[in-house]
Amino acid sequence: RGEMLGMDQPIILHCVELPHGMKSLEGVAMELQDCAFPLLSGIVKTDNLDVGFEGVDYALLVGAKPRGPGMERGDLLKDNGKIFVDVGKAINDNASRDCKTIVVGNPANTNALICSHYAPDIAKKNFTAMTRLDHNRAL
């Protein structure tokens, strides 16, 4: 319905997937096209970070490696840190200089910090993390 960016703002979704998930991403794209969302004017489907972040104004980073059996927080940080180093570099090299980025993948606050560190040409104020679950747990 356009509530995030405006009721008349067309969008092009840039969807970045791991190579083994590209077939599933094709299915997701078909479902989105079948919905005939009036503001969805295109979908970029790729497993290449440079292509995925080319010219983007908003990056919603919802993917991260989930914690597996027996994994400690440090293990999760180590694995996800590598992901967000590469993503930060790709955002820095390809996205709009005013790109706004929100990190959802846990640990979101640390991943956002790593991502912003590797995107030095993007203002730090343009990075944030969705940590409401952590907030709610602390209440």
N, C-alpha and C. Protein backbone atom coordinates (compact mmCIF):
# COMPACT_ATOMS: atom_id res chain seq x y z
N ARG A 1 0.81 -1.20 0.00
CA ARG A 1 0.00 0.00 0.00
C ARG A 1 0.84 1.26 0.00
N GLY A 2 2.14 1.14 0.10
CA GLY A 2 2.97 2.32 0.02
C GLY A 2 3.15 3.08 1.32
N GLU A 3 2.85 2.46 2.45
CA GLU A 3 2.90 3.18 3.72
C GLU A 3 4.32 3.50 4.17
N MET A 4 5.31 2.77 3.69
CA MET A 4 6.68 3.02 4.12
C MET A 4 7.31 4.21 3.39
N LEU A 5 7.16 4.26 2.08
CA LEU A 5 7.85 5.28 1.29
C LEU A 5 6.91 6.30 0.65
N GLY A 6 5.63 6.07 0.77
CA GLY A 6 4.67 7.00 0.18
C GLY A 6 3.67 6.27 -0.69
N MET A 7 2.46 6.76 -0.70
CA MET A 7 1.35 6.09 -1.38
C MET A 7 1.49 6.09 -2.91
N ASP A 8 2.42 6.88 -3.45
CA ASP A 8 2.58 6.91 -4.90
C ASP A 8 4.03 6.66 -5.32
N GLN A 9 4.83 6.07 -4.43
CA GLN A 9 6.24 5.84 -4.70
C GLN A 9 6.47 4.42 -5.24
N PRO A 10 6.74 4.30 -6.54
CA PRO A 10 7.05 2.97 -7.07
C PRO A 10 8.36 2.45 -6.49
N ILE A 11 8.48 1.14 -6.38
CA ILE A 11 9.70 0.53 -5.85
C ILE A 11 10.19 -0.58 -6.78
N ILE A 12 11.49 -0.77 -6.73
CA ILE A 12 12.13 -1.93 -7.37
C ILE A 12 12.79 -2.70 -6.24
N LEU A 13 12.36 -3.93 -6.02
CA LEU A 13 12.95 -4.76 -4.98
C LEU A 13 14.25 -5.37 -5.51
N HIS A 14 15.30 -5.25 -4.72
CA HIS A 14 16.57 -5.92 -5.02
C HIS A 14 16.70 -7.06 -4.02
N CYS A 15 16.56 -8.28 -4.48
CA CYS A 15 16.58 -9.44 -3.60
C CYS A 15 17.89 -10.19 -3.80
N VAL A 16 18.70 -10.29 -2.74
CA VAL A 16 19.97 -11.00 -2.79
C VAL A 16 19.79 -12.32 -2.05
N GLU A 17 20.17 -13.39 -2.70
CA GLU A 17 20.02 -14.73 -2.13
C GLU A 17 21.33 -15.49 -2.26
N LEU A 18 21.50 -16.50 -1.46
CA LEU A 18 22.64 -17.40 -1.62
C LEU A 18 22.46 -18.20 -2.91
N PRO A 19 23.55 -18.63 -3.53
CA PRO A 19 23.42 -19.34 -4.82
C PRO A 19 22.46 -20.53 -4.78
N HIS A 20 22.49 -21.30 -3.70
CA HIS A 20 21.62 -22.48 -3.64
C HIS A 20 20.14 -22.12 -3.42
N GLY A 21 19.84 -20.85 -3.13
CA GLY A 21 18.46 -20.43 -2.91
C GLY A 21 17.84 -19.69 -4.08
N MET A 22 18.57 -19.60 -5.19
CA MET A 22 18.07 -18.80 -6.32
C MET A 22 16.78 -19.36 -6.92
N LYS A 23 16.63 -20.67 -6.95
CA LYS A 23 15.40 -21.25 -7.50
C LYS A 23 14.20 -20.85 -6.64
N SER A 24 14.37 -20.86 -5.34
CA SER A 24 13.29 -20.43 -4.44
C SER A 24 12.99 -18.95 -4.62
N LEU A 25 14.03 -18.15 -4.83
CA LEU A 25 13.82 -16.72 -5.05
C LEU A 25 13.02 -16.47 -6.31
N GLU A 26 13.22 -17.27 -7.34
CA GLU A 26 12.42 -17.16 -8.56
C GLU A 26 10.94 -17.36 -8.22
N GLY A 27 10.64 -18.32 -7.36
CA GLY A 27 9.26 -18.57 -6.94
C GLY A 27 8.68 -17.40 -6.16
N VAL A 28 9.48 -16.82 -5.28
CA VAL A 28 9.04 -15.66 -4.52
C VAL A 28 8.71 -14.51 -5.47
N ALA A 29 9.58 -14.29 -6.45
CA ALA A 29 9.36 -13.21 -7.42
C ALA A 29 8.07 -13.45 -8.21
N MET A 30 7.81 -14.68 -8.59
CA MET A 30 6.57 -14.97 -9.32
C MET A 30 5.35 -14.68 -8.46
N GLU A 31 5.42 -15.04 -7.19
CA GLU A 31 4.31 -14.77 -6.27
C GLU A 31 4.07 -13.26 -6.15
N LEU A 32 5.15 -12.50 -6.01
CA LEU A 32 5.02 -11.04 -5.90
C LEU A 32 4.41 -10.45 -7.18
N GLN A 33 4.85 -10.94 -8.32
CA GLN A 33 4.30 -10.44 -9.59
C GLN A 33 2.82 -10.82 -9.73
N ASP A 34 2.48 -12.03 -9.29
CA ASP A 34 1.08 -12.46 -9.35
C ASP A 34 0.17 -11.60 -8.48
N CYS A 35 0.72 -11.04 -7.42
CA CYS A 35 -0.07 -10.18 -6.53
C CYS A 35 -0.44 -8.85 -7.19
N ALA A 36 0.26 -8.49 -8.24
CA ALA A 36 -0.01 -7.25 -8.99
C ALA A 36 -0.02 -6.02 -8.07
N PHE A 37 0.97 -5.94 -7.20
CA PHE A 37 1.09 -4.76 -6.35
C PHE A 37 1.32 -3.55 -7.25
N PRO A 38 0.50 -2.53 -7.15
CA PRO A 38 0.59 -1.41 -8.09
C PRO A 38 1.90 -0.61 -7.99
N LEU A 39 2.56 -0.62 -6.85
CA LEU A 39 3.79 0.15 -6.69
C LEU A 39 5.05 -0.67 -6.95
N LEU A 40 4.91 -1.97 -7.15
CA LEU A 40 6.07 -2.82 -7.44
C LEU A 40 6.38 -2.74 -8.93
N SER A 41 7.42 -1.98 -9.26
CA SER A 41 7.72 -1.77 -10.68
C SER A 41 8.85 -2.65 -11.19
N GLY A 42 9.47 -3.43 -10.33
CA GLY A 42 10.50 -4.34 -10.79
C GLY A 42 11.09 -5.15 -9.65
N ILE A 43 11.74 -6.26 -10.02
CA ILE A 43 12.40 -7.12 -9.05
C ILE A 43 13.76 -7.52 -9.62
N VAL A 44 14.81 -7.23 -8.89
CA VAL A 44 16.15 -7.69 -9.23
C VAL A 44 16.42 -8.92 -8.38
N LYS A 45 16.72 -10.04 -9.02
CA LYS A 45 16.99 -11.30 -8.32
C LYS A 45 18.45 -11.67 -8.60
N THR A 46 19.24 -11.81 -7.53
CA THR A 46 20.65 -12.08 -7.75
C THR A 46 21.30 -12.76 -6.55
N ASP A 47 22.43 -13.42 -6.82
CA ASP A 47 23.26 -13.94 -5.75
C ASP A 47 24.59 -13.17 -5.68
N ASN A 48 24.63 -12.02 -6.36
CA ASN A 48 25.82 -11.18 -6.41
C ASN A 48 25.56 -9.91 -5.60
N LEU A 49 26.34 -9.69 -4.57
CA LEU A 49 26.12 -8.53 -3.69
C LEU A 49 26.24 -7.21 -4.44
N ASP A 50 27.19 -7.10 -5.36
CA ASP A 50 27.35 -5.85 -6.11
C ASP A 50 26.12 -5.53 -6.93
N VAL A 51 25.56 -6.54 -7.59
CA VAL A 51 24.34 -6.35 -8.38
C VAL A 51 23.17 -6.03 -7.44
N GLY A 52 23.10 -6.74 -6.34
CA GLY A 52 21.99 -6.57 -5.42
C GLY A 52 21.89 -5.21 -4.78
N PHE A 53 23.03 -4.56 -4.56
CA PHE A 53 23.01 -3.27 -3.90
C PHE A 53 23.23 -2.09 -4.86
N GLU A 54 23.29 -2.36 -6.14
CA GLU A 54 23.52 -1.31 -7.13
C GLU A 54 22.43 -0.24 -7.06
N GLY A 55 22.81 0.97 -6.65
CA GLY A 55 21.91 2.11 -6.66
C GLY A 55 20.79 2.11 -5.64
N VAL A 56 20.80 1.19 -4.67
CA VAL A 56 19.68 1.13 -3.73
C VAL A 56 19.69 2.34 -2.79
N ASP A 57 18.49 2.78 -2.44
CA ASP A 57 18.30 3.88 -1.50
C ASP A 57 17.97 3.38 -0.10
N TYR A 58 17.42 2.17 -0.01
CA TYR A 58 17.04 1.57 1.27
C TYR A 58 17.46 0.11 1.25
N ALA A 59 18.18 -0.32 2.29
CA ALA A 59 18.60 -1.71 2.40
C ALA A 59 18.00 -2.29 3.68
N LEU A 60 17.15 -3.30 3.51
CA LEU A 60 16.56 -4.00 4.64
C LEU A 60 17.25 -5.35 4.72
N LEU A 61 18.17 -5.50 5.64
CA LEU A 61 19.01 -6.69 5.73
C LEU A 61 18.36 -7.68 6.68
N VAL A 62 17.54 -8.55 6.13
CA VAL A 62 16.75 -9.46 6.96
C VAL A 62 17.39 -10.83 7.11
N GLY A 63 18.44 -11.12 6.34
CA GLY A 63 19.06 -12.44 6.40
C GLY A 63 20.30 -12.47 7.27
N ALA A 64 20.47 -13.56 7.97
CA ALA A 64 21.68 -13.83 8.75
C ALA A 64 21.66 -15.31 9.07
N LYS A 65 22.82 -15.83 9.43
CA LYS A 65 22.88 -17.24 9.80
C LYS A 65 22.23 -17.40 11.18
N PRO A 66 21.27 -18.30 11.29
CA PRO A 66 20.63 -18.50 12.60
C PRO A 66 21.52 -19.31 13.53
N ARG A 67 21.27 -19.17 14.81
CA ARG A 67 22.01 -19.95 15.80
C ARG A 67 21.60 -21.41 15.70
N GLY A 68 22.59 -22.28 15.58
CA GLY A 68 22.33 -23.71 15.48
C GLY A 68 22.52 -24.40 16.81
N PRO A 69 22.22 -25.70 16.86
CA PRO A 69 22.37 -26.46 18.10
C PRO A 69 23.81 -26.37 18.63
N GLY A 70 23.94 -26.07 19.88
CA GLY A 70 25.25 -26.01 20.52
C GLY A 70 26.06 -24.76 20.23
N MET A 71 25.51 -23.85 19.43
CA MET A 71 26.25 -22.63 19.10
C MET A 71 26.14 -21.63 20.25
N GLU A 72 27.25 -21.00 20.54
CA GLU A 72 27.28 -19.92 21.51
C GLU A 72 27.15 -18.59 20.77
N ARG A 73 26.92 -17.53 21.49
CA ARG A 73 26.79 -16.21 20.88
C ARG A 73 28.05 -15.85 20.07
N GLY A 74 29.22 -16.23 20.60
CA GLY A 74 30.48 -15.95 19.91
C GLY A 74 30.55 -16.63 18.55
N ASP A 75 30.03 -17.86 18.47
CA ASP A 75 30.01 -18.57 17.19
C ASP A 75 29.13 -17.84 16.19
N LEU A 76 28.00 -17.37 16.66
CA LEU A 76 27.07 -16.64 15.80
C LEU A 76 27.70 -15.34 15.32
N LEU A 77 28.39 -14.64 16.20
CA LEU A 77 29.06 -13.39 15.83
C LEU A 77 30.14 -13.65 14.78
N LYS A 78 30.88 -14.72 14.95
CA LYS A 78 31.96 -15.04 14.02
C LYS A 78 31.41 -15.31 12.62
N ASP A 79 30.37 -16.13 12.54
CA ASP A 79 29.79 -16.48 11.24
C ASP A 79 29.09 -15.29 10.59
N ASN A 80 28.27 -14.56 11.36
CA ASN A 80 27.54 -13.44 10.79
C ASN A 80 28.45 -12.24 10.54
N GLY A 81 29.50 -12.11 11.32
CA GLY A 81 30.44 -11.02 11.09
C GLY A 81 31.00 -11.06 9.68
N LYS A 82 31.34 -12.25 9.20
CA LYS A 82 31.86 -12.41 7.83
C LYS A 82 30.83 -11.95 6.81
N ILE A 83 29.59 -12.29 7.03
CA ILE A 83 28.51 -11.91 6.10
C ILE A 83 28.40 -10.39 6.03
N PHE A 84 28.38 -9.74 7.19
CA PHE A 84 28.12 -8.30 7.22
C PHE A 84 29.34 -7.47 6.83
N VAL A 85 30.54 -8.05 6.86
CA VAL A 85 31.71 -7.39 6.28
C VAL A 85 31.49 -7.24 4.78
N ASP A 86 31.13 -8.34 4.12
CA ASP A 86 30.93 -8.33 2.67
C ASP A 86 29.75 -7.46 2.27
N VAL A 87 28.67 -7.51 3.04
CA VAL A 87 27.50 -6.69 2.75
C VAL A 87 27.83 -5.21 2.91
N GLY A 88 28.54 -4.86 3.96
CA GLY A 88 28.94 -3.47 4.16
C GLY A 88 29.79 -2.95 3.00
N LYS A 89 30.73 -3.76 2.55
CA LYS A 89 31.56 -3.38 1.41
C LYS A 89 30.71 -3.18 0.16
N ALA A 90 29.76 -4.08 -0.07
CA ALA A 90 28.91 -3.98 -1.26
C ALA A 90 28.01 -2.74 -1.19
N ILE A 91 27.49 -2.44 -0.03
CA ILE A 91 26.68 -1.22 0.13
C ILE A 91 27.56 0.00 -0.15
N ASN A 92 28.75 0.01 0.42
CA ASN A 92 29.65 1.14 0.23
C ASN A 92 29.99 1.35 -1.24
N ASP A 93 30.24 0.27 -1.94
CA ASP A 93 30.70 0.36 -3.33
C ASP A 93 29.59 0.56 -4.35
N ASN A 94 28.34 0.26 -3.98
CA ASN A 94 27.28 0.22 -4.98
C ASN A 94 26.02 1.02 -4.67
N ALA A 95 25.70 1.17 -3.40
CA ALA A 95 24.43 1.81 -3.04
C ALA A 95 24.51 3.33 -3.18
N SER A 96 23.34 3.95 -3.14
CA SER A 96 23.24 5.41 -3.09
C SER A 96 24.03 5.92 -1.89
N ARG A 97 24.67 7.08 -2.01
CA ARG A 97 25.43 7.67 -0.90
C ARG A 97 24.54 8.00 0.28
N ASP A 98 23.23 8.09 0.06
CA ASP A 98 22.28 8.41 1.12
C ASP A 98 21.49 7.17 1.56
N CYS A 99 21.98 5.99 1.20
CA CYS A 99 21.27 4.74 1.51
C CYS A 99 21.00 4.61 3.01
N LYS A 100 19.76 4.28 3.34
CA LYS A 100 19.36 4.01 4.72
C LYS A 100 19.31 2.49 4.89
N THR A 101 19.95 1.98 5.94
CA THR A 101 20.07 0.54 6.14
C THR A 101 19.55 0.14 7.50
N ILE A 102 18.69 -0.88 7.52
CA ILE A 102 18.25 -1.48 8.78
C ILE A 102 18.66 -2.94 8.78
N VAL A 103 19.26 -3.37 9.87
CA VAL A 103 19.71 -4.75 10.03
C VAL A 103 18.72 -5.46 10.96
N VAL A 104 18.22 -6.60 10.49
CA VAL A 104 17.28 -7.39 11.27
C VAL A 104 17.96 -8.65 11.81
N GLY A 105 18.88 -9.23 11.01
CA GLY A 105 19.52 -10.49 11.38
C GLY A 105 20.33 -10.37 12.66
N ASN A 106 20.09 -11.26 13.60
CA ASN A 106 20.73 -11.21 14.92
C ASN A 106 22.16 -11.75 14.88
N PRO A 107 23.01 -11.24 15.74
CA PRO A 107 22.76 -10.13 16.66
C PRO A 107 22.74 -8.81 15.91
N ALA A 108 21.57 -8.23 15.78
CA ALA A 108 21.33 -7.11 14.88
C ALA A 108 22.21 -5.90 15.20
N ASN A 109 22.35 -5.55 16.46
CA ASN A 109 23.13 -4.35 16.79
C ASN A 109 24.60 -4.52 16.39
N THR A 110 25.17 -5.68 16.65
CA THR A 110 26.56 -5.94 16.27
C THR A 110 26.71 -6.03 14.76
N ASN A 111 25.77 -6.70 14.11
CA ASN A 111 25.82 -6.80 12.65
C ASN A 111 25.71 -5.43 11.98
N ALA A 112 24.89 -4.55 12.54
CA ALA A 112 24.76 -3.20 11.99
C ALA A 112 26.07 -2.43 12.17
N LEU A 113 26.71 -2.60 13.31
CA LEU A 113 27.99 -1.93 13.56
C LEU A 113 29.04 -2.42 12.56
N ILE A 114 29.13 -3.72 12.36
CA ILE A 114 30.09 -4.28 11.41
C ILE A 114 29.80 -3.76 10.01
N CYS A 115 28.55 -3.82 9.61
CA CYS A 115 28.15 -3.37 8.28
C CYS A 115 28.52 -1.90 8.07
N SER A 116 28.22 -1.06 9.03
CA SER A 116 28.52 0.37 8.89
C SER A 116 30.03 0.63 8.85
N HIS A 117 30.79 -0.16 9.58
CA HIS A 117 32.25 0.00 9.59
C HIS A 117 32.84 -0.25 8.20
N TYR A 118 32.27 -1.20 7.48
CA TYR A 118 32.78 -1.55 6.16
C TYR A 118 32.08 -0.77 5.04
N ALA A 119 31.29 0.22 5.43
CA ALA A 119 30.68 1.14 4.47
C ALA A 119 31.05 2.57 4.88
N PRO A 120 32.33 2.91 4.85
CA PRO A 120 32.78 4.20 5.38
C PRO A 120 32.29 5.41 4.60
N ASP A 121 31.83 5.21 3.38
CA ASP A 121 31.34 6.34 2.58
C ASP A 121 29.87 6.64 2.81
N ILE A 122 29.22 5.83 3.64
CA ILE A 122 27.81 6.04 3.99
C ILE A 122 27.78 6.55 5.44
N ALA A 123 27.00 7.58 5.69
CA ALA A 123 26.93 8.15 7.04
C ALA A 123 26.49 7.11 8.07
N LYS A 124 27.17 7.09 9.19
CA LYS A 124 26.85 6.14 10.27
C LYS A 124 25.40 6.29 10.74
N LYS A 125 24.87 7.52 10.69
CA LYS A 125 23.49 7.75 11.12
C LYS A 125 22.49 7.03 10.22
N ASN A 126 22.92 6.56 9.06
CA ASN A 126 22.03 5.87 8.12
C ASN A 126 21.92 4.38 8.40
N PHE A 127 22.56 3.90 9.45
CA PHE A 127 22.49 2.49 9.83
C PHE A 127 21.75 2.35 11.15
N THR A 128 20.88 1.35 11.21
CA THR A 128 20.17 1.08 12.46
C THR A 128 19.92 -0.43 12.54
N ALA A 129 19.53 -0.87 13.72
CA ALA A 129 19.25 -2.29 13.95
C ALA A 129 17.87 -2.43 14.57
N MET A 130 17.17 -3.47 14.18
CA MET A 130 15.87 -3.75 14.76
C MET A 130 16.08 -4.62 15.99
N THR A 131 16.09 -3.97 17.13
CA THR A 131 16.39 -4.68 18.38
C THR A 131 15.20 -4.68 19.34
N ARG A 132 14.03 -4.53 18.83
CA ARG A 132 12.85 -4.47 19.71
C ARG A 132 12.69 -5.75 20.53
N LEU A 133 13.00 -6.91 19.94
CA LEU A 133 12.88 -8.16 20.68
C LEU A 133 13.80 -8.14 21.90
N ASP A 134 15.03 -7.66 21.72
CA ASP A 134 15.95 -7.54 22.86
C ASP A 134 15.39 -6.59 23.91
N HIS A 135 14.81 -5.50 23.47
CA HIS A 135 14.19 -4.53 24.38
C HIS A 135 13.05 -5.20 25.16
N ASN A 136 12.19 -5.91 24.43
CA ASN A 136 11.05 -6.56 25.09
C ASN A 136 11.50 -7.60 26.10
N ARG A 137 12.56 -8.33 25.78
CA ARG A 137 13.08 -9.36 26.71
C ARG A 137 13.62 -8.72 27.97
N ALA A 138 14.13 -7.51 27.85
CA ALA A 138 14.71 -6.83 29.02
C ALA A 138 13.67 -6.24 29.95
N LEU A 139 12.45 -6.08 29.48
CA LEU A 139 11.40 -5.49 30.31
C LEU A 139 10.92 -6.40 31.40
